Amino acid sequence: MGSWMNDSGFWVFAKMSGLTEVEALKSWTLLLLVLGGVSFLSTLAFATLLPLV
């Protein structure tokens, strides 16, 4: 689950960058996809390198 247009961070990003709602939504979605992918791959890497068991 990601944040969407009801997230205050989205509106801060949209208004401060001067983007329209559609442009901000497209770039925010891409940002969340990249962030999620990097987080997932980092978790897998650390779980492999530093197992807890």
N, C-alpha and C. Protein backbone atom coordinates (compact mmCIF):
# COMPACT_ATOMS: atom_id res chain seq x y z
N MET A 1 0.84 -1.18 0.00
CA MET A 1 0.00 0.00 0.00
C MET A 1 0.88 1.24 0.00
N GLY A 2 0.53 2.14 -0.81
CA GLY A 2 1.27 3.40 -0.86
C GLY A 2 0.35 4.56 -0.53
N SER A 3 0.95 5.70 -0.42
CA SER A 3 0.14 6.89 -0.18
C SER A 3 -0.40 7.40 -1.51
N TRP A 4 -1.43 8.20 -1.44
CA TRP A 4 -2.06 8.71 -2.64
C TRP A 4 -2.46 10.15 -2.43
N MET A 5 -3.50 10.62 -3.08
CA MET A 5 -3.86 12.03 -3.04
C MET A 5 -4.39 12.48 -1.67
N ASN A 6 -4.70 11.56 -0.78
CA ASN A 6 -5.14 11.96 0.55
C ASN A 6 -3.96 12.06 1.52
N ASP A 7 -2.76 11.88 1.02
CA ASP A 7 -1.55 12.00 1.82
C ASP A 7 -1.06 13.44 1.79
N SER A 8 -0.78 14.00 2.95
CA SER A 8 -0.32 15.40 3.00
C SER A 8 1.03 15.57 2.31
N GLY A 9 1.87 14.53 2.34
CA GLY A 9 3.16 14.60 1.66
C GLY A 9 3.00 14.77 0.16
N PHE A 10 1.98 14.15 -0.40
CA PHE A 10 1.71 14.31 -1.83
C PHE A 10 1.40 15.76 -2.16
N TRP A 11 0.58 16.40 -1.34
CA TRP A 11 0.19 17.78 -1.62
C TRP A 11 1.34 18.75 -1.41
N VAL A 12 2.18 18.50 -0.42
CA VAL A 12 3.36 19.34 -0.23
C VAL A 12 4.25 19.22 -1.46
N PHE A 13 4.48 17.99 -1.92
CA PHE A 13 5.28 17.75 -3.11
C PHE A 13 4.67 18.43 -4.33
N ALA A 14 3.36 18.29 -4.51
CA ALA A 14 2.69 18.84 -5.69
C ALA A 14 2.73 20.36 -5.70
N LYS A 15 2.43 20.98 -4.58
CA LYS A 15 2.36 22.44 -4.53
C LYS A 15 3.74 23.09 -4.56
N MET A 16 4.71 22.50 -3.86
CA MET A 16 6.05 23.09 -3.83
C MET A 16 6.78 22.93 -5.16
N SER A 17 6.45 21.88 -5.92
CA SER A 17 7.12 21.67 -7.20
C SER A 17 6.42 22.40 -8.34
N GLY A 18 5.20 22.89 -8.11
CA GLY A 18 4.48 23.62 -9.14
C GLY A 18 3.88 22.73 -10.22
N LEU A 19 3.71 21.46 -9.92
CA LEU A 19 3.15 20.53 -10.89
C LEU A 19 1.63 20.53 -10.81
N THR A 20 0.99 20.13 -11.91
CA THR A 20 -0.45 19.93 -11.87
C THR A 20 -0.72 18.64 -11.09
N GLU A 21 -1.99 18.39 -10.78
CA GLU A 21 -2.33 17.17 -10.03
C GLU A 21 -1.95 15.92 -10.81
N VAL A 22 -2.19 15.93 -12.12
CA VAL A 22 -1.88 14.75 -12.94
C VAL A 22 -0.37 14.53 -13.01
N GLU A 23 0.39 15.59 -13.22
CA GLU A 23 1.85 15.47 -13.28
C GLU A 23 2.41 15.00 -11.95
N ALA A 24 1.91 15.57 -10.87
CA ALA A 24 2.39 15.19 -9.54
C ALA A 24 2.05 13.74 -9.24
N LEU A 25 0.86 13.30 -9.62
CA LEU A 25 0.46 11.92 -9.36
C LEU A 25 1.33 10.95 -10.14
N LYS A 26 1.65 11.28 -11.38
CA LYS A 26 2.53 10.41 -12.18
C LYS A 26 3.92 10.31 -11.57
N SER A 27 4.50 11.44 -11.19
CA SER A 27 5.85 11.41 -10.64
C SER A 27 5.86 10.83 -9.23
N TRP A 28 4.83 11.07 -8.43
CA TRP A 28 4.73 10.52 -7.07
C TRP A 28 4.61 9.00 -7.13
N THR A 29 3.83 8.50 -8.10
CA THR A 29 3.68 7.06 -8.26
C THR A 29 5.00 6.42 -8.63
N LEU A 30 5.73 7.03 -9.57
CA LEU A 30 7.04 6.52 -9.97
C LEU A 30 8.00 6.55 -8.78
N LEU A 31 7.98 7.63 -8.03
CA LEU A 31 8.83 7.75 -6.85
C LEU A 31 8.55 6.63 -5.85
N LEU A 32 7.28 6.34 -5.60
CA LEU A 32 6.92 5.29 -4.65
C LEU A 32 7.31 3.91 -5.16
N LEU A 33 7.19 3.68 -6.46
CA LEU A 33 7.61 2.40 -7.03
C LEU A 33 9.11 2.18 -6.88
N VAL A 34 9.88 3.21 -7.17
CA VAL A 34 11.34 3.11 -7.03
C VAL A 34 11.71 2.92 -5.57
N LEU A 35 11.11 3.69 -4.69
CA LEU A 35 11.40 3.58 -3.26
C LEU A 35 11.04 2.19 -2.73
N GLY A 36 9.91 1.66 -3.14
CA GLY A 36 9.50 0.32 -2.71
C GLY A 36 10.43 -0.76 -3.23
N GLY A 37 10.84 -0.63 -4.49
CA GLY A 37 11.76 -1.61 -5.07
C GLY A 37 13.12 -1.61 -4.40
N VAL A 38 13.66 -0.43 -4.16
CA VAL A 38 14.96 -0.31 -3.49
C VAL A 38 14.87 -0.84 -2.06
N SER A 39 13.80 -0.53 -1.37
CA SER A 39 13.62 -1.02 0.00
C SER A 39 13.53 -2.54 0.04
N PHE A 40 12.78 -3.10 -0.90
CA PHE A 40 12.63 -4.56 -0.95
C PHE A 40 13.97 -5.24 -1.24
N LEU A 41 14.70 -4.72 -2.23
CA LEU A 41 16.00 -5.31 -2.57
C LEU A 41 17.01 -5.14 -1.44
N SER A 42 16.96 -4.02 -0.75
CA SER A 42 17.85 -3.81 0.40
C SER A 42 17.54 -4.81 1.51
N THR A 43 16.26 -5.03 1.75
CA THR A 43 15.85 -5.99 2.78
C THR A 43 16.32 -7.39 2.43
N LEU A 44 16.17 -7.78 1.17
CA LEU A 44 16.64 -9.10 0.75
C LEU A 44 18.15 -9.23 0.89
N ALA A 45 18.87 -8.19 0.50
CA ALA A 45 20.33 -8.22 0.59
C ALA A 45 20.79 -8.34 2.04
N PHE A 46 20.22 -7.52 2.92
CA PHE A 46 20.62 -7.58 4.32
C PHE A 46 20.18 -8.88 4.99
N ALA A 47 19.05 -9.43 4.59
CA ALA A 47 18.61 -10.71 5.16
C ALA A 47 19.54 -11.84 4.74
N THR A 48 20.10 -11.73 3.55
CA THR A 48 21.04 -12.75 3.07
C THR A 48 22.41 -12.58 3.73
N LEU A 49 22.86 -11.34 3.83
CA LEU A 49 24.19 -11.08 4.38
C LEU A 49 24.24 -11.18 5.90
N LEU A 50 23.17 -10.80 6.56
CA LEU A 50 23.14 -10.79 8.03
C LEU A 50 21.90 -11.52 8.55
N PRO A 51 21.85 -12.83 8.39
CA PRO A 51 20.65 -13.55 8.86
C PRO A 51 20.54 -13.50 10.39
N LEU A 52 19.31 -13.47 10.87
CA LEU A 52 19.07 -13.40 12.31
C LEU A 52 19.14 -14.75 12.99
N VAL A 53 19.10 -15.82 12.23
CA VAL A 53 19.11 -17.15 12.82
C VAL A 53 20.42 -17.84 12.55
